[in-house]
PDB file of N, CA and C in Angstrom:
ATOM      1  N   LYS A   1     164.079  71.134  19.667  1.00  0.00           N
ATOM      2  CA  LYS A   1     163.601  71.509  20.986  1.00  0.00           C
ATOM      3  C   LYS A   1     162.630  72.682  20.964  1.00  0.00           C
ATOM      4  N   PRO A   2     162.799  73.684  20.090  1.00  0.00           N
ATOM      5  CA  PRO A   2     161.825  74.781  20.098  1.00  0.00           C
ATOM      6  C   PRO A   2     160.400  74.289  19.874  1.00  0.00           C
ATOM      7  N   ALA A   3     160.231  73.246  19.046  1.00  0.00           N
ATOM      8  CA  ALA A   3     158.892  72.719  18.805  1.00  0.00           C
ATOM      9  C   ALA A   3     158.308  72.109  20.079  1.00  0.00           C
ATOM     10  N   GLU A   4     159.171  71.468  20.876  1.00  0.00           N
ATOM     11  CA  GLU A   4     158.700  70.886  22.131  1.00  0.00           C
ATOM     12  C   GLU A   4     158.227  71.971  23.084  1.00  0.00           C
ATOM     13  N   ARG A   5     158.947  73.103  23.140  1.00  0.00           N
ATOM     14  CA  ARG A   5     158.557  74.200  24.024  1.00  0.00           C
ATOM     15  C   ARG A   5     157.220  74.782  23.601  1.00  0.00           C
ATOM     16  N   ARG A   6     156.972  74.846  22.303  1.00  0.00           N
ATOM     17  CA  ARG A   6     155.725  75.430  21.816  1.00  0.00           C
ATOM     18  C   ARG A   6     154.517  74.594  22.200  1.00  0.00           C
ATOM     19  N   LYS A   7     154.715  73.311  22.433  1.00  0.00           N
ATOM     20  CA  LYS A   7     153.605  72.442  22.806  1.00  0.00           C
ATOM     21  C   LYS A   7     153.036  72.794  24.168  1.00  0.00           C
ATOM     22  N   LYS A   8     153.841  73.388  25.011  1.00  0.00           N
ATOM     23  CA  LYS A   8     153.386  73.797  26.332  1.00  0.00           C
ATOM     24  C   LYS A   8     152.641  75.114  26.172  1.00  0.00           C
ATOM     25  N   HIS A   9     151.380  75.138  26.514  1.00  0.00           N
ATOM     26  CA  HIS A   9     150.546  76.303  26.264  1.00  0.00           C
ATOM     27  C   HIS A   9     150.374  77.152  27.512  1.00  0.00           C
ATOM     28  N   SER A  10     151.463  77.443  28.186  1.00  0.00           N
ATOM     29  CA  SER A  10     151.355  78.291  29.365  1.00  0.00           C
ATOM     30  C   SER A  10     151.658  79.731  28.984  1.00  0.00           C
ATOM     31  N   THR A  11     151.040  80.650  29.689  1.00  0.00           N
ATOM     32  CA  THR A  11     151.297  82.062  29.448  1.00  0.00           C
ATOM     33  C   THR A  11     152.737  82.398  29.773  1.00  0.00           C
ATOM     34  N   ARG A  12     153.229  81.881  30.894  1.00  0.00           N
ATOM     35  CA  ARG A  12     154.621  82.149  31.264  1.00  0.00           C
ATOM     36  C   ARG A  12     155.574  81.589  30.218  1.00  0.00           C
ATOM     37  N   GLY A  13     155.319  80.393  29.759  1.00  0.00           N
ATOM     38  CA  GLY A  13     156.179  79.786  28.742  1.00  0.00           C
ATOM     39  C   GLY A  13     156.238  80.619  27.475  1.00  0.00           C
ATOM     40  N   ALA A  14     155.097  81.121  27.045  1.00  0.00           N
ATOM     41  CA  ALA A  14     155.052  81.962  25.848  1.00  0.00           C
ATOM     42  C   ALA A  14     155.802  83.274  26.085  1.00  0.00           C
ATOM     43  N   PHE A  15     155.626  83.839  27.273  1.00  0.00           N
ATOM     44  CA  PHE A  15     156.317  85.084  27.607  1.00  0.00           C
ATOM     45  C   PHE A  15     157.825  84.876  27.649  1.00  0.00           C
ATOM     46  N   VAL A  16     158.265  83.776  28.244  1.00  0.00           N
ATOM     47  CA  VAL A  16     159.695  83.472  28.318  1.00  0.00           C
ATOM     48  C   VAL A  16     160.268  83.352  26.911  1.00  0.00           C
ATOM     49  N   GLU A  17     159.585  82.615  26.039  1.00  0.00           N
ATOM     50  CA  GLU A  17     160.066  82.468  24.664  1.00  0.00           C
ATOM     51  C   GLU A  17     160.128  83.801  23.939  1.00  0.00           C
ATOM     52  N   PHE A  18     159.102  84.634  24.143  1.00  0.00           N
ATOM     53  CA  PHE A  18     159.061  85.942  23.511  1.00  0.00           C
ATOM     54  C   PHE A  18     160.254  86.791  23.953  1.00  0.00           C
ATOM     55  N   ALA A  19     160.459  86.886  25.255  1.00  0.00           N
ATOM     56  CA  ALA A  19     161.546  87.712  25.786  1.00  0.00           C
ATOM     57  C   ALA A  19     162.915  87.177  25.361  1.00  0.00           C
ATOM     58  N   MET A  20     163.083  85.880  25.424  1.00  0.00           N
ATOM     59  CA  MET A  20     164.380  85.296  25.095  1.00  0.00           C
ATOM     60  C   MET A  20     164.686  85.411  23.601  1.00  0.00           C
ATOM     61  N   SER A  21     163.663  85.520  22.770  1.00  0.00           N
ATOM     62  CA  SER A  21     163.900  85.647  21.328  1.00  0.00           C
ATOM     63  C   SER A  21     164.690  86.911  21.011  1.00  0.00           C
ATOM     64  N   PHE A  22     164.495  87.969  21.800  1.00  0.00           N
ATOM     65  CA  PHE A  22     165.273  89.190  21.593  1.00  0.00           C
ATOM     66  C   PHE A  22     166.751  88.945  21.897  1.00  0.00           C
ATOM     67  N   LEU A  23     167.011  88.159  22.927  1.00  0.00           N
ATOM     68  CA  LEU A  23     168.399  87.861  23.274  1.00  0.00           C
ATOM     69  C   LEU A  23     169.031  86.933  22.243  1.00  0.00           C
ATOM     70  N   GLU A  24     168.243  86.008  21.736  1.00  0.00           N
ATOM     71  CA  GLU A  24     168.772  85.067  20.748  1.00  0.00           C
ATOM     72  C   GLU A  24     169.174  85.766  19.457  1.00  0.00           C
ATOM     73  N   ALA A  25     168.543  86.900  19.158  1.00  0.00           N
ATOM     74  CA  ALA A  25     168.905  87.654  17.957  1.00  0.00           C
ATOM     75  C   ALA A  25     170.366  88.075  18.018  1.00  0.00           C
ATOM     76  N   GLY A  26     170.836  88.416  19.224  1.00  0.00           N
ATOM     77  CA  GLY A  26     172.255  88.661  19.452  1.00  0.00           C
ATOM     78  C   GLY A  26     172.842  89.943  18.897  1.00  0.00           C
ATOM     79  N   LYS A  27     172.039  90.868  18.410  1.00  0.00           N
ATOM     80  CA  LYS A  27     172.574  92.131  17.884  1.00  0.00           C
ATOM     81  C   LYS A  27     172.898  93.053  19.056  1.00  0.00           C
ATOM     82  N   PRO A  28     174.139  93.519  19.167  1.00  0.00           N
ATOM     83  CA  PRO A  28     174.553  94.328  20.330  1.00  0.00           C
ATOM     84  C   PRO A  28     173.656  95.518  20.654  1.00  0.00           C
ATOM     85  N   CYS A  29     173.231  96.281  19.648  1.00  0.00           N
ATOM     86  CA  CYS A  29     172.387  97.445  19.953  1.00  0.00           C
ATOM     87  C   CYS A  29     171.020  96.998  20.479  1.00  0.00           C
ATOM     88  N   LEU A  30     170.494  95.907  19.950  1.00  0.00           N
ATOM     89  CA  LEU A  30     169.220  95.374  20.433  1.00  0.00           C
ATOM     90  C   LEU A  30     169.377  94.799  21.833  1.00  0.00           C
ATOM     91  N   LEU A  31     170.481  94.103  22.079  1.00  0.00           N
ATOM     92  CA  LEU A  31     170.720  93.518  23.402  1.00  0.00           C
ATOM     93  C   LEU A  31     170.739  94.586  24.486  1.00  0.00           C
ATOM     94  N   ARG A  32     171.421  95.687  24.219  1.00  0.00           N
ATOM     95  CA  ARG A  32     171.481  96.769  25.209  1.00  0.00           C
ATOM     96  C   ARG A  32     170.091  97.291  25.529  1.00  0.00           C
ATOM     97  N   TRP A  33     169.317  97.534  24.504  1.00  0.00           N
ATOM     98  CA  TRP A  33     167.963  98.064  24.709  1.00  0.00           C
ATOM     99  C   TRP A  33     167.099  97.069  25.480  1.00  0.00           C
ATOM    100  N   VAL A  34     167.187  95.807  25.103  1.00  0.00           N
ATOM    101  CA  VAL A  34     166.359  94.784  25.738  1.00  0.00           C
ATOM    102  C   VAL A  34     166.730  94.623  27.213  1.00  0.00           C
ATOM    103  N   ILE A  35     168.012  94.602  27.520  1.00  0.00           N
ATOM    104  CA  ILE A  35     168.453  94.435  28.905  1.00  0.00           C
ATOM    105  C   ILE A  35     167.982  95.606  29.767  1.00  0.00           C
ATOM    106  N   GLN A  36     167.870  96.773  29.170  1.00  0.00           N
ATOM    107  CA  GLN A  36     167.395  97.936  29.921  1.00  0.00           C
ATOM    108  C   GLN A  36     165.922  97.815  30.300  1.00  0.00           C
ATOM    109  N   GLN A  37     165.205  96.892  29.691  1.00  0.00           N
ATOM    110  CA  GLN A  37     163.812  96.637  30.039  1.00  0.00           C
ATOM    111  C   GLN A  37     163.798  95.678  31.234  1.00  0.00           C
ATOM    112  N   ARG A  38     164.189  96.203  32.360  1.00  0.00           N
ATOM    113  CA  ARG A  38     164.438  95.392  33.560  1.00  0.00           C
ATOM    114  C   ARG A  38     163.245  94.561  33.994  1.00  0.00           C
ATOM    115  N   GLU A  39     162.060  95.116  33.875  1.00  0.00           N
ATOM    116  CA  GLU A  39     160.870  94.427  34.366  1.00  0.00           C
ATOM    117  C   GLU A  39     160.650  93.100  33.643  1.00  0.00           C
ATOM    118  N   ILE A  40     160.951  93.095  32.369  1.00  0.00           N
ATOM    119  CA  ILE A  40     160.759  91.875  31.584  1.00  0.00           C
ATOM    120  C   ILE A  40     161.624  90.747  32.128  1.00  0.00           C
ATOM    121  N   PHE A  41     162.904  91.012  32.249  1.00  0.00           N
ATOM    122  CA  PHE A  41     163.818  89.936  32.633  1.00  0.00           C
ATOM    123  C   PHE A  41     163.823  89.659  34.128  1.00  0.00           C
ATOM    124  N   SER A  42     163.525  90.664  34.928  1.00  0.00           N
ATOM    125  CA  SER A  42     163.446  90.377  36.364  1.00  0.00           C
ATOM    126  C   SER A  42     162.274  89.437  36.638  1.00  0.00           C
ATOM    127  N   GLY A  43     161.189  89.590  35.903  1.00  0.00           N
ATOM    128  CA  GLY A  43     160.059  88.683  36.054  1.00  0.00           C
ATOM    129  C   GLY A  43     160.391  87.259  35.655  1.00  0.00           C
ATOM    130  N   ILE A  44     161.123  87.135  34.585  1.00  0.00           N
ATOM    131  CA  ILE A  44     161.527  85.798  34.126  1.00  0.00           C
ATOM    132  C   ILE A  44     162.481  85.160  35.122  1.00  0.00           C
ATOM    133  N   LEU A  45     163.493  85.913  35.524  1.00  0.00           N
ATOM    134  CA  LEU A  45     164.514  85.354  36.409  1.00  0.00           C
ATOM    135  C   LEU A  45     163.996  85.120  37.826  1.00  0.00           C
ATOM    136  N   ARG A  46     163.076  85.952  38.275  1.00  0.00           N
ATOM    137  CA  ARG A  46     162.519  85.801  39.620  1.00  0.00           C
ATOM    138  C   ARG A  46     161.747  84.485  39.760  1.00  0.00           C
ATOM    139  N   GLY A  47     161.089  84.052  38.695  1.00  0.00           N
ATOM    140  CA  GLY A  47     160.299  82.823  38.761  1.00  0.00           C
ATOM    141  C   GLY A  47     161.005  81.592  38.245  1.00  0.00           C
ATOM    142  N   LEU A  48     162.264  81.719  37.923  1.00  0.00           N
ATOM    143  CA  LEU A  48     162.994  80.623  37.287  1.00  0.00           C
ATOM    144  C   LEU A  48     163.055  79.364  38.149  1.00  0.00           C
ATOM    145  N   GLY A  49     163.130  79.522  39.446  1.00  0.00           N
ATOM    146  CA  GLY A  49     163.200  78.366  40.336  1.00  0.00           C
ATOM    147  C   GLY A  49     161.958  77.496  40.303  1.00  0.00           C
ATOM    148  N   ASN A  50     160.851  78.039  39.817  1.00  0.00           N
ATOM    149  CA  ASN A  50     159.604  77.272  39.727  1.00  0.00           C
ATOM    150  C   ASN A  50     159.380  76.663  38.350  1.00  0.00           C
ATOM    151  N   ASP A  51     160.264  76.958  37.414  1.00  0.00           N
ATOM    152  CA  ASP A  51     160.109  76.454  36.052  1.00  0.00           C
ATOM    153  C   ASP A  51     160.651  75.041  35.927  1.00  0.00           C
ATOM    154  N   ASP A  52     160.219  74.361  34.859  1.00  0.00           N
ATOM    155  CA  ASP A  52     160.748  73.029  34.596  1.00  0.00           C
ATOM    156  C   ASP A  52     162.196  73.139  34.116  1.00  0.00           C
ATOM    157  N   ASP A  53     162.896  72.024  34.172  1.00  0.00           N
ATOM    158  CA  ASP A  53     164.323  72.016  33.834  1.00  0.00           C
ATOM    159  C   ASP A  53     164.584  72.518  32.417  1.00  0.00           C
ATOM    160  N   GLU A  54     163.724  72.172  31.492  1.00  0.00           N
ATOM    161  CA  GLU A  54     163.913  72.593  30.099  1.00  0.00           C
ATOM    162  C   GLU A  54     163.898  74.114  29.979  1.00  0.00           C
ATOM    163  N   THR A  55     162.975  74.764  30.671  1.00  0.00           N
ATOM    164  CA  THR A  55     162.893  76.227  30.633  1.00  0.00           C
ATOM    165  C   THR A  55     164.105  76.852  31.307  1.00  0.00           C
ATOM    166  N   VAL A  56     164.514  76.289  32.436  1.00  0.00           N
ATOM    167  CA  VAL A  56     165.685  76.798  33.155  1.00  0.00           C
ATOM    168  C   VAL A  56     166.922  76.733  32.255  1.00  0.00           C
ATOM    169  N   VAL A  57     167.134  75.600  31.627  1.00  0.00           N
ATOM    170  CA  VAL A  57     168.296  75.432  30.742  1.00  0.00           C
ATOM    171  C   VAL A  57     168.211  76.413  29.573  1.00  0.00           C
ATOM    172  N   TYR A  58     167.031  76.561  29.002  1.00  0.00           N
ATOM    173  CA  TYR A  58     166.832  77.477  27.870  1.00  0.00           C
ATOM    174  C   TYR A  58     167.184  78.912  28.256  1.00  0.00           C
ATOM    175  N   VAL A  59     166.649  79.384  29.355  1.00  0.00           N
ATOM    176  CA  VAL A  59     166.869  80.764  29.786  1.00  0.00           C
ATOM    177  C   VAL A  59     168.334  80.985  30.149  1.00  0.00           C
ATOM    178  N   LEU A  60     168.871  80.118  30.987  1.00  0.00           N
ATOM    179  CA  LEU A  60     170.241  80.329  31.467  1.00  0.00           C
ATOM    180  C   LEU A  60     171.289  80.126  30.380  1.00  0.00           C
ATOM    181  N   SER A  61     171.084  79.165  29.501  1.00  0.00           N
ATOM    182  CA  SER A  61     172.069  78.977  28.433  1.00  0.00           C
ATOM    183  C   SER A  61     172.007  80.136  27.438  1.00  0.00           C
ATOM    184  N   THR A  62     170.831  80.708  27.231  1.00  0.00           N
ATOM    185  CA  THR A  62     170.722  81.883  26.368  1.00  0.00           C
ATOM    186  C   THR A  62     171.440  83.063  27.001  1.00  0.00           C
ATOM    187  N   LEU A  63     171.233  83.279  28.291  1.00  0.00           N
ATOM    188  CA  LEU A  63     171.953  84.357  28.981  1.00  0.00           C
ATOM    189  C   LEU A  63     173.463  84.136  28.919  1.00  0.00           C
ATOM    190  N   ARG A  64     173.865  82.915  29.187  1.00  0.00           N
ATOM    191  CA  ARG A  64     175.293  82.580  29.174  1.00  0.00           C
ATOM    192  C   ARG A  64     175.907  82.838  27.795  1.00  0.00           C
ATOM    193  N   ASP A  65     175.222  82.405  26.760  1.00  0.00           N
ATOM    194  CA  ASP A  65     175.789  82.454  25.407  1.00  0.00           C
ATOM    195  C   ASP A  65     175.609  83.798  24.699  1.00  0.00           C
ATOM    196  N   GLN A  66     174.601  84.568  25.108  1.00  0.00           N
ATOM    197  CA  GLN A  66     174.322  85.822  24.404  1.00  0.00           C
ATOM    198  C   GLN A  66     174.678  87.079  25.194  1.00  0.00           C
ATOM    199  N   ILE A  67     174.633  87.010  26.514  1.00  0.00           N
ATOM    200  CA  ILE A  67     174.851  88.198  27.344  1.00  0.00           C
ATOM    201  C   ILE A  67     176.188  88.151  28.063  1.00  0.00           C
ATOM    202  N   LEU A  68     176.526  87.016  28.635  1.00  0.00           N
ATOM    203  CA  LEU A  68     177.729  86.905  29.465  1.00  0.00           C
ATOM    204  C   LEU A  68     178.972  86.582  28.643  1.00  0.00           C
ATOM    205  N   THR A  69     179.068  87.193  27.478  1.00  0.00           N
ATOM    206  CA  THR A  69     180.225  87.003  26.609  1.00  0.00           C
ATOM    207  C   THR A  69     180.739  88.369  26.173  1.00  0.00           C
ATOM    208  N   PRO A  70     182.034  88.472  25.914  1.00  0.00           N
ATOM    209  CA  PRO A  70     182.583  89.754  25.448  1.00  0.00           C
ATOM    210  C   PRO A  70     181.938  90.228  24.138  1.00  0.00           C
ATOM    211  N   GLU A  71     181.525  89.279  23.294  1.00  0.00           N
ATOM    212  CA  GLU A  71     180.939  89.619  21.999  1.00  0.00           C
ATOM    213  C   GLU A  71     179.621  90.377  22.120  1.00  0.00           C
ATOM    214  N   SER A  72     178.966  90.281  23.275  1.00  0.00           N
ATOM    215  CA  SER A  72     177.682  90.965  23.443  1.00  0.00           C
ATOM    216  C   SER A  72     177.846  92.484  23.491  1.00  0.00           C
ATOM    217  N   LEU A  73     179.050  92.945  23.844  1.00  0.00           N
ATOM    218  CA  LEU A  73     179.368  94.374  23.958  1.00  0.00           C
ATOM    219  C   LEU A  73     178.498  95.094  24.987  1.00  0.00           C
ATOM    220  N   ILE A  74     177.908  94.343  25.913  1.00  0.00           N
ATOM    221  CA  ILE A  74     177.104  94.937  26.974  1.00  0.00           C
ATOM    222  C   ILE A  74     178.029  95.272  28.137  1.00  0.00           C
ATOM    223  N   PRO A  75     178.015  96.532  28.585  1.00  0.00           N
ATOM    224  CA  PRO A  75     178.915  96.914  29.676  1.00  0.00           C
ATOM    225  C   PRO A  75     178.567  96.207  30.991  1.00  0.00           C
ATOM    226  N   PRO A  76     179.561  96.022  31.863  1.00  0.00           N
ATOM    227  CA  PRO A  76     179.331  95.332  33.140  1.00  0.00           C
ATOM    228  C   PRO A  76     178.188  95.931  33.965  1.00  0.00           C
ATOM    229  N   SER A  77     178.078  97.233  33.964  1.00  0.00           N
ATOM    230  CA  SER A  77     177.016  97.867  34.760  1.00  0.00           C
ATOM    231  C   SER A  77     175.631  97.458  34.289  1.00  0.00           C
ATOM    232  N   LEU A  78     175.475  97.222  33.009  1.00  0.00           N
ATOM    233  CA  LEU A  78     174.183  96.803  32.476  1.00  0.00           C
ATOM    234  C   LEU A  78     173.958  95.305  32.683  1.00  0.00           C
ATOM    235  N   ARG A  79     175.013  94.511  32.569  1.00  0.00           N
ATOM    236  CA  ARG A  79     174.899  93.068  32.823  1.00  0.00           C
ATOM    237  C   ARG A  79     174.456  92.814  34.262  1.00  0.00           C
ATOM    238  N   SER A  80     174.996  93.601  35.179  1.00  0.00           N
ATOM    239  CA  SER A  80     174.699  93.385  36.600  1.00  0.00           C
ATOM    240  C   SER A  80     173.230  93.628  36.928  1.00  0.00           C
ATOM    241  N   VAL A  81     172.536  94.387  36.083  1.00  0.00           N
ATOM    242  CA  VAL A  81     171.116  94.662  36.298  1.00  0.00           C
ATOM    243  C   VAL A  81     170.309  93.357  36.339  1.00  0.00           C
ATOM    244  N   LEU A  82     170.720  92.395  35.545  1.00  0.00           N
ATOM    245  CA  LEU A  82     169.998  91.119  35.473  1.00  0.00           C
ATOM    246  C   LEU A  82     170.180  90.259  36.715  1.00  0.00           C
ATOM    247  N   PHE A  83     171.279  90.455  37.419  1.00  0.00           N
ATOM    248  CA  PHE A  83     171.646  89.518  38.464  1.00  0.00           C
ATOM    249  C   PHE A  83     171.616  90.144  39.848  1.00  0.00           C
ATOM    250  N   GLY A  84     170.425  90.531  40.277  1.00  0.00           N
ATOM    251  CA  GLY A  84     170.232  91.044  41.624  1.00  0.00           C
ATOM    252  C   GLY A  84     170.170  89.906  42.623  1.00  0.00           C
ATOM    253  N   SER A  85     169.912  90.242  43.862  1.00  0.00           N
ATOM    254  CA  SER A  85     169.932  89.235  44.929  1.00  0.00           C
ATOM    255  C   SER A  85     168.882  88.141  44.733  1.00  0.00           C
ATOM    256  N   VAL A  86     167.712  88.497  44.229  1.00  0.00           N
ATOM    257  CA  VAL A  86     166.669  87.479  44.017  1.00  0.00           C
ATOM    258  C   VAL A  86     167.106  86.487  42.947  1.00  0.00           C
ATOM    259  N   THR A  87     167.684  86.988  41.871  1.00  0.00           N
ATOM    260  CA  THR A  87     168.149  86.106  40.799  1.00  0.00           C
ATOM    261  C   THR A  87     169.297  85.226  41.277  1.00  0.00           C
ATOM    262  N   LEU A  88     170.226  85.804  42.014  1.00  0.00           N
ATOM    263  CA  LEU A  88     171.340  85.008  42.536  1.00  0.00           C
ATOM    264  C   LEU A  88     170.826  83.905  43.457  1.00  0.00           C
ATOM    265  N   GLU A  89     169.828  84.229  44.254  1.00  0.00           N
ATOM    266  CA  GLU A  89     169.238  83.221  45.136  1.00  0.00           C
ATOM    267  C   GLU A  89     168.584  82.101  44.317  1.00  0.00           C
ATOM    268  N   GLN A  90     167.909  82.461  43.230  1.00  0.00           N
ATOM    269  CA  GLN A  90     167.310  81.451  42.345  1.00  0.00           C
ATOM    270  C   GLN A  90     168.394  80.537  41.772  1.00  0.00           C
ATOM    271  N   LEU A  91     169.504  81.137  41.340  1.00  0.00           N
ATOM    272  CA  LEU A  91     170.595  80.344  40.771  1.00  0.00           C
ATOM    273  C   LEU A  91     171.193  79.394  41.802  1.00  0.00           C
ATOM    274  N   VAL A  92     171.351  79.865  43.028  1.00  0.00           N
ATOM    275  CA  VAL A  92     171.870  79.006  44.099  1.00  0.00           C
ATOM    276  C   VAL A  92     170.910  77.843  44.346  1.00  0.00           C
ATOM    277  N   ASP A  93     169.624  78.149  44.443  1.00  0.00           N
ATOM    278  CA  ASP A  93     168.627  77.100  44.698  1.00  0.00           C
ATOM    279  C   ASP A  93     168.586  76.065  43.578  1.00  0.00           C
ATOM    280  N   ILE A  94     168.625  76.533  42.340  1.00  0.00           N
ATOM    281  CA  ILE A  94     168.584  75.607  41.207  1.00  0.00           C
ATOM    282  C   ILE A  94     169.854  74.763  41.165  1.00  0.00           C
ATOM    283  N   SER A  95     171.001  75.375  41.393  1.00  0.00           N
ATOM    284  CA  SER A  95     172.255  74.621  41.321  1.00  0.00           C
ATOM    285  C   SER A  95     172.394  73.622  42.462  1.00  0.00           C
ATOM    286  N   ALA A  96     171.640  73.811  43.536  1.00  0.00           N
ATOM    287  CA  ALA A  96     171.713  72.906  44.684  1.00  0.00           C
ATOM    288  C   ALA A  96     170.601  71.855  44.687  1.00  0.00           C
ATOM    289  N   ARG A  97     169.841  71.753  43.633  1.00  0.00           N
ATOM    290  CA  ARG A  97     168.751  70.760  43.584  1.00  0.00           C
ATOM    291  C   ARG A  97     169.292  69.351  43.774  1.00  0.00           C
ATOM    292  N   ASP A  98     168.542  68.571  44.531  1.00  0.00           N
ATOM    293  CA  ASP A  98     168.953  67.197  44.817  1.00  0.00           C
ATOM    294  C   ASP A  98     169.060  66.339  43.562  1.00  0.00           C
ATOM    295  N   ASP A  99     168.128  66.547  42.626  1.00  0.00           N
ATOM    296  CA  ASP A  99     168.131  65.721  41.421  1.00  0.00           C
ATOM    297  C   ASP A  99     169.207  66.128  40.426  1.00  0.00           C
ATOM    298  N   GLY A 100     169.876  67.272  40.706  1.00  0.00           N
ATOM    299  CA  GLY A 100     170.970  67.713  39.835  1.00  0.00           C
ATOM    300  C   GLY A 100     170.498  67.917  38.417  1.00  0.00           C
ATOM    301  N   GLY A 101     171.143  67.272  37.492  1.00  0.00           N
ATOM    302  CA  GLY A 101     170.753  67.374  36.096  1.00  0.00           C
ATOM    303  C   GLY A 101     171.345  68.587  35.409  1.00  0.00           C
ATOM    304  N   LEU A 102     170.969  68.737  34.163  1.00  0.00           N
ATOM    305  CA  LEU A 102     171.509  69.797  33.332  1.00  0.00           C
ATOM    306  C   LEU A 102     171.137  71.179  33.854  1.00  0.00           C
ATOM    307  N   ALA A 103     169.940  71.347  34.367  1.00  0.00           N
ATOM    308  CA  ALA A 103     169.522  72.653  34.894  1.00  0.00           C
ATOM    309  C   ALA A 103     170.434  73.094  36.033  1.00  0.00           C
ATOM    310  N   ALA A 104     170.744  72.175  36.942  1.00  0.00           N
ATOM    311  CA  ALA A 104     171.629  72.493  38.061  1.00  0.00           C
ATOM    312  C   ALA A 104     173.029  72.830  37.565  1.00  0.00           C
ATOM    313  N   LYS A 105     173.500  72.104  36.574  1.00  0.00           N
ATOM    314  CA  LYS A 105     174.834  72.338  36.022  1.00  0.00           C
ATOM    315  C   LYS A 105     174.925  73.718  35.367  1.00  0.00           C
ATOM    316  N   VAL A 106     173.931  74.069  34.547  1.00  0.00           N
ATOM    317  CA  VAL A 106     173.950  75.360  33.857  1.00  0.00           C
ATOM    318  C   VAL A 106     173.783  76.500  34.864  1.00  0.00           C
ATOM    319  N   ALA A 107     172.924  76.307  35.865  1.00  0.00           N
ATOM    320  CA  ALA A 107     172.749  77.339  36.895  1.00  0.00           C
ATOM    321  C   ALA A 107     174.060  77.587  37.632  1.00  0.00           C
ATOM    322  N   TYR A 108     174.772  76.537  37.944  1.00  0.00           N
ATOM    323  CA  TYR A 108     176.066  76.675  38.613  1.00  0.00           C
ATOM    324  C   TYR A 108     177.073  77.409  37.722  1.00  0.00           C
ATOM    325  N   GLU A 109     177.114  77.041  36.435  1.00  0.00           N
ATOM    326  CA  GLU A 109     178.021  77.705  35.497  1.00  0.00           C
ATOM    327  C   GLU A 109     177.750  79.208  35.435  1.00  0.00           C
ATOM    328  N   VAL A 110     176.477  79.570  35.312  1.00  0.00           N
ATOM    329  CA  VAL A 110     176.101  80.980  35.224  1.00  0.00           C
ATOM    330  C   VAL A 110     176.428  81.690  36.532  1.00  0.00           C
ATOM    331  N   LEU A 111     176.151  81.047  37.645  1.00  0.00           N
ATOM    332  CA  LEU A 111     176.443  81.633  38.953  1.00  0.00           C
ATOM    333  C   LEU A 111     177.943  81.931  39.095  1.00  0.00           C
ATOM    334  N   VAL A 112     178.777  80.989  38.709  1.00  0.00           N
ATOM    335  CA  VAL A 112     180.222  81.188  38.785  1.00  0.00           C
ATOM    336  C   VAL A 112     180.659  82.307  37.834  1.00  0.00           C
ATOM    337  N   MET A 113     180.126  82.319  36.619  1.00  0.00           N
ATOM    338  CA  MET A 113     180.480  83.376  35.657  1.00  0.00           C
ATOM    339  C   MET A 113     180.117  84.752  36.196  1.00  0.00           C
ATOM    340  N   VAL A 114     178.926  84.860  36.733  1.00  0.00           N
ATOM    341  CA  VAL A 114     178.428  86.150  37.206  1.00  0.00           C
ATOM    342  C   VAL A 114     179.197  86.629  38.435  1.00  0.00           C
ATOM    343  N   CYS A 115     179.518  85.702  39.309  1.00  0.00           N
ATOM    344  CA  CYS A 115     180.136  86.096  40.583  1.00  0.00           C
ATOM    345  C   CYS A 115     181.655  86.195  40.557  1.00  0.00           C
ATOM    346  N   THR A 116     182.306  85.670  39.529  1.00  0.00           N
ATOM    347  CA  THR A 116     183.770  85.682  39.532  1.00  0.00           C
ATOM    348  C   THR A 116     184.409  86.463  38.392  1.00  0.00           C
ATOM    349  N   ASP A 117     183.638  86.787  37.380  1.00  0.00           N
ATOM    350  CA  ASP A 117     184.194  87.501  36.231  1.00  0.00           C
ATOM    351  C   ASP A 117     183.825  88.981  36.323  1.00  0.00           C
ATOM    352  N   PRO A 118     184.815  89.852  36.492  1.00  0.00           N
ATOM    353  CA  PRO A 118     184.537  91.292  36.624  1.00  0.00           C
ATOM    354  C   PRO A 118     183.777  91.889  35.438  1.00  0.00           C
ATOM    355  N   SER A 119     183.897  91.289  34.272  1.00  0.00           N
ATOM    356  CA  SER A 119     183.203  91.830  33.102  1.00  0.00           C
ATOM    357  C   SER A 119     181.688  91.665  33.196  1.00  0.00           C
ATOM    358  N   ASN A 120     181.222  90.877  34.184  1.00  0.00           N
ATOM    359  CA  ASN A 120     179.784  90.693  34.354  1.00  0.00           C
ATOM    360  C   ASN A 120     179.182  91.633  35.392  1.00  0.00           C
ATOM    361  N   GLY A 121     180.012  92.484  35.967  1.00  0.00           N
ATOM    362  CA  GLY A 121     179.520  93.605  36.744  1.00  0.00           C
ATOM    363  C   GLY A 121     179.295  93.429  38.226  1.00  0.00           C
ATOM    364  N   LEU A 122     179.376  92.226  38.757  1.00  0.00           N
ATOM    365  CA  LEU A 122     179.124  92.057  40.188  1.00  0.00           C
ATOM    366  C   LEU A 122     180.378  92.158  41.029  1.00  0.00           C
ATOM    367  N   MET A 123     181.484  91.717  40.482  1.00  0.00           N
ATOM    368  CA  MET A 123     182.750  91.747  41.209  1.00  0.00           C
ATOM    369  C   MET A 123     183.647  92.816  40.606  1.00  0.00           C
ATOM    370  N   PRO A 124     184.109  93.763  41.407  1.00  0.00           N
ATOM    371  CA  PRO A 124     184.993  94.788  40.850  1.00  0.00           C
ATOM    372  C   PRO A 124     186.345  94.199  40.467  1.00  0.00           C
ATOM    373  N   GLU A 125     186.986  94.865  39.538  1.00  0.00           N
ATOM    374  CA  GLU A 125     188.303  94.379  39.087  1.00  0.00           C
ATOM    375  C   GLU A 125     189.356  94.624  40.131  1.00  0.00           C
TER     376      GLU A 125
END
């Protein structure tokens, strides 16, 4: 699949891949630093509703697997930085798409994780 993504020559696509590569590395000290670069990820997440399903699945599954896990060692207060009202609205819109599909399923999973698990910083314990 990474080869398929590279075939798309969009600036946004290249930027998304670049930013997500830091998360895919999965090193806790790097993850903390990268998440603190709010502008990078807020830009990606803010436009997610306009992306194709493949990009949505790529971004959200990377967040789910690399950030929203205890192994990431990212504190709840820092995790919550990624999921402001605009991002939550994007997740709701994607999960409610009429055509459904994998993008809608992953968006729903991430939305539930973020909104119901106190370790993700939005809901107090």
